[in-house]
N, C-alpha and C. Protein backbone atom coordinates (compact mmCIF):
# COMPACT_ATOMS: atom_id res chain seq x y z
N MET A 1 -48.77 135.19 93.07
CA MET A 1 -50.39 136.15 93.20
C MET A 1 -50.55 136.06 94.69
N ASP A 2 -51.24 137.49 95.07
CA ASP A 2 -51.38 138.00 96.16
C ASP A 2 -52.80 137.83 96.64
N HIS A 3 -53.38 136.77 97.27
CA HIS A 3 -54.71 136.54 97.56
C HIS A 3 -55.25 137.00 99.34
N ARG A 4 -54.31 138.19 99.63
CA ARG A 4 -54.85 138.20 100.95
C ARG A 4 -55.89 139.58 100.91
N SER A 5 -56.52 139.65 101.90
CA SER A 5 -57.68 140.22 101.86
C SER A 5 -57.28 141.77 102.31
N PRO A 6 -57.91 142.97 101.59
CA PRO A 6 -57.84 144.19 102.22
C PRO A 6 -57.91 144.40 103.83
N ARG A 7 -57.43 145.41 104.29
CA ARG A 7 -57.67 145.64 105.64
C ARG A 7 -58.58 147.02 105.61
N VAL A 8 -59.11 146.73 106.57
CA VAL A 8 -60.12 147.94 107.14
C VAL A 8 -60.16 148.15 108.29
N GLU A 9 -59.89 149.92 108.16
CA GLU A 9 -59.78 150.37 109.75
C GLU A 9 -60.92 151.58 109.67
N VAL A 10 -60.93 151.79 111.04
CA VAL A 10 -62.21 153.02 111.44
C VAL A 10 -60.96 154.00 112.14
N ASP A 11 -61.31 155.04 111.70
CA ASP A 11 -60.55 156.25 112.43
C ASP A 11 -61.55 156.59 113.44
N ARG A 12 -61.39 156.19 114.55
CA ARG A 12 -62.38 156.40 116.12
C ARG A 12 -62.47 157.67 116.40
N GLY A 13 -61.29 158.48 115.98
CA GLY A 13 -61.60 160.00 116.44
C GLY A 13 -62.49 160.86 115.47
N VAL A 14 -62.76 160.09 114.08
CA VAL A 14 -63.42 160.84 113.10
C VAL A 14 -65.09 160.50 113.38
N CYS A 15 -65.36 158.77 113.41
CA CYS A 15 -66.20 158.42 113.58
C CYS A 15 -67.14 159.20 114.47
N ILE A 16 -68.66 159.27 113.72
CA ILE A 16 -69.66 159.99 114.67
C ILE A 16 -70.64 159.01 115.56
N GLY A 17 -70.30 157.59 114.85
CA GLY A 17 -71.33 156.83 115.69
C GLY A 17 -72.52 156.52 115.03
N SER A 18 -72.43 156.72 113.62
CA SER A 18 -74.20 156.79 112.99
C SER A 18 -74.63 155.60 112.80
N GLY A 19 -73.82 154.42 112.98
CA GLY A 19 -74.54 153.14 112.94
C GLY A 19 -74.71 152.30 111.70
N ILE A 20 -74.53 153.40 110.61
CA ILE A 20 -74.53 152.70 109.13
C ILE A 20 -73.80 151.60 108.87
N CYS A 21 -72.54 151.62 109.38
CA CYS A 21 -71.81 150.10 109.19
C CYS A 21 -71.96 149.07 109.97
N VAL A 22 -72.57 149.41 111.27
CA VAL A 22 -72.90 148.08 112.04
C VAL A 22 -74.56 147.54 111.35
N GLY A 23 -75.32 148.50 110.88
CA GLY A 23 -76.60 147.96 110.44
C GLY A 23 -76.40 147.42 109.14
N SER A 24 -75.17 147.76 108.40
CA SER A 24 -75.03 147.33 106.98
C SER A 24 -74.47 145.90 107.02
N ALA A 25 -73.39 146.01 107.94
CA ALA A 25 -72.52 144.85 107.94
C ALA A 25 -72.12 144.20 109.39
N PRO A 26 -73.16 143.92 110.19
CA PRO A 26 -73.00 143.75 111.57
C PRO A 26 -72.06 142.54 111.96
N ALA A 27 -71.72 141.80 110.80
CA ALA A 27 -70.84 140.63 111.16
C ALA A 27 -69.19 141.59 111.26
N PHE A 28 -69.32 142.19 110.87
CA PHE A 28 -67.84 142.98 110.53
C PHE A 28 -67.50 144.20 111.44
N PHE A 29 -68.55 144.96 111.77
CA PHE A 29 -68.34 146.07 112.44
C PHE A 29 -69.52 145.83 113.62
N ARG A 30 -68.90 146.47 114.75
CA ARG A 30 -69.61 146.72 115.72
C ARG A 30 -69.57 148.14 116.43
N LEU A 31 -70.35 148.69 117.44
CA LEU A 31 -70.35 149.66 117.92
C LEU A 31 -69.73 149.62 119.68
N ASP A 32 -68.54 150.32 119.82
CA ASP A 32 -68.08 150.45 121.15
C ASP A 32 -67.64 151.91 121.43
N GLY A 33 -68.43 152.04 122.87
CA GLY A 33 -68.40 153.27 123.10
C GLY A 33 -68.94 154.40 122.43
N GLY A 34 -69.98 153.95 121.49
CA GLY A 34 -70.25 154.99 120.59
C GLY A 34 -69.61 155.35 119.40
N ARG A 35 -68.83 154.47 119.18
CA ARG A 35 -68.11 154.47 118.05
C ARG A 35 -67.55 153.20 117.05
N ALA A 36 -67.63 153.26 116.15
CA ALA A 36 -67.43 151.96 115.17
C ALA A 36 -66.03 151.30 115.38
N ARG A 37 -65.93 149.86 115.53
CA ARG A 37 -64.90 149.30 115.56
C ARG A 37 -65.04 147.88 114.71
N VAL A 38 -63.88 147.51 113.83
CA VAL A 38 -64.20 146.42 113.24
C VAL A 38 -64.04 144.99 114.30
N ARG A 39 -64.71 143.97 114.06
CA ARG A 39 -64.76 143.22 114.30
C ARG A 39 -63.46 142.13 113.89
N ASP A 40 -62.85 141.64 114.54
CA ASP A 40 -61.28 140.91 114.49
C ASP A 40 -61.70 139.48 113.58
N ASP A 41 -62.87 138.82 113.88
CA ASP A 41 -62.87 137.36 113.37
C ASP A 41 -63.36 137.36 112.22
N ALA A 42 -63.92 138.72 110.99
CA ALA A 42 -64.42 138.42 110.05
C ALA A 42 -63.72 138.98 109.03
N PRO A 43 -63.15 138.40 107.99
CA PRO A 43 -62.53 138.99 106.86
C PRO A 43 -63.39 140.00 105.89
N PRO A 44 -62.93 141.25 105.53
CA PRO A 44 -63.80 141.86 104.93
C PRO A 44 -64.64 141.15 103.59
N ASP A 45 -65.65 141.55 103.12
CA ASP A 45 -66.29 140.96 101.89
C ASP A 45 -66.67 142.38 100.98
N GLN A 46 -67.40 142.03 99.96
CA GLN A 46 -67.90 143.18 99.09
C GLN A 46 -68.70 143.94 99.42
N THR A 47 -69.70 143.56 100.55
CA THR A 47 -70.38 144.49 101.35
C THR A 47 -69.92 145.31 102.46
N VAL A 48 -69.03 144.96 102.96
CA VAL A 48 -68.08 145.77 103.91
C VAL A 48 -67.14 146.90 102.78
N LEU A 49 -66.69 146.52 101.94
CA LEU A 49 -66.25 147.32 100.98
C LEU A 49 -67.16 148.71 100.56
N ASP A 50 -68.28 148.14 100.47
CA ASP A 50 -69.43 149.13 100.08
C ASP A 50 -69.77 149.92 100.96
N VAL A 51 -69.80 149.18 102.29
CA VAL A 51 -70.11 150.30 103.29
C VAL A 51 -69.23 151.20 103.47
N ALA A 52 -67.93 151.00 103.69
CA ALA A 52 -66.80 151.98 103.75
C ALA A 52 -67.03 153.17 103.00
N ASP A 53 -67.52 152.71 102.04
CA ASP A 53 -67.89 153.98 100.87
C ASP A 53 -69.21 155.05 101.24
N SER A 54 -69.65 154.52 101.89
CA SER A 54 -71.04 154.60 102.60
C SER A 54 -70.93 155.72 103.90
N CYS A 55 -69.77 155.59 104.70
CA CYS A 55 -69.86 156.18 106.01
C CYS A 55 -69.64 157.90 105.56
N PRO A 56 -70.75 158.29 106.42
CA PRO A 56 -70.75 159.62 106.23
C PRO A 56 -69.94 160.79 106.41
N VAL A 57 -68.70 160.26 107.46
CA VAL A 57 -67.63 161.01 107.43
C VAL A 57 -66.40 160.60 107.15
N GLU A 58 -66.62 159.63 106.22
CA GLU A 58 -65.23 158.69 105.61
C GLU A 58 -64.26 158.51 106.96
N ALA A 59 -64.69 157.58 107.79
CA ALA A 59 -64.00 157.48 108.78
C ALA A 59 -63.39 156.02 108.72
N ILE A 60 -64.22 155.18 107.51
CA ILE A 60 -63.52 153.87 107.37
C ILE A 60 -62.61 153.88 106.19
N SER A 61 -61.50 153.34 106.17
CA SER A 61 -60.48 153.08 105.19
C SER A 61 -60.32 151.61 104.91
N VAL A 62 -60.03 151.38 103.39
CA VAL A 62 -59.80 149.95 102.97
C VAL A 62 -58.44 150.11 102.61
N LEU A 63 -57.62 149.54 103.09
CA LEU A 63 -55.98 149.54 102.47
C LEU A 63 -55.47 148.18 102.03
N GLU A 64 -55.49 148.26 100.74
CA GLU A 64 -54.83 147.15 100.03
C GLU A 64 -53.79 146.47 100.62
N PRO A 65 -53.54 145.03 100.38
CA PRO A 65 -52.52 144.42 101.47
C PRO A 65 -51.28 144.80 100.89
């Protein structure tokens, strides 16, 4: 059985820096240069997966392990 977490990526070329992801999941996302970036030290949880769905420009991808 595979217990690895999904991988979350931000396409910084698409990101508009709205900050919705940072405001909703600050332990997982941060703004860097006006664009979202995933923090390396936090595994995704359900909140992060929900935030990915709410990105206004669909810049956040959830990739299954």
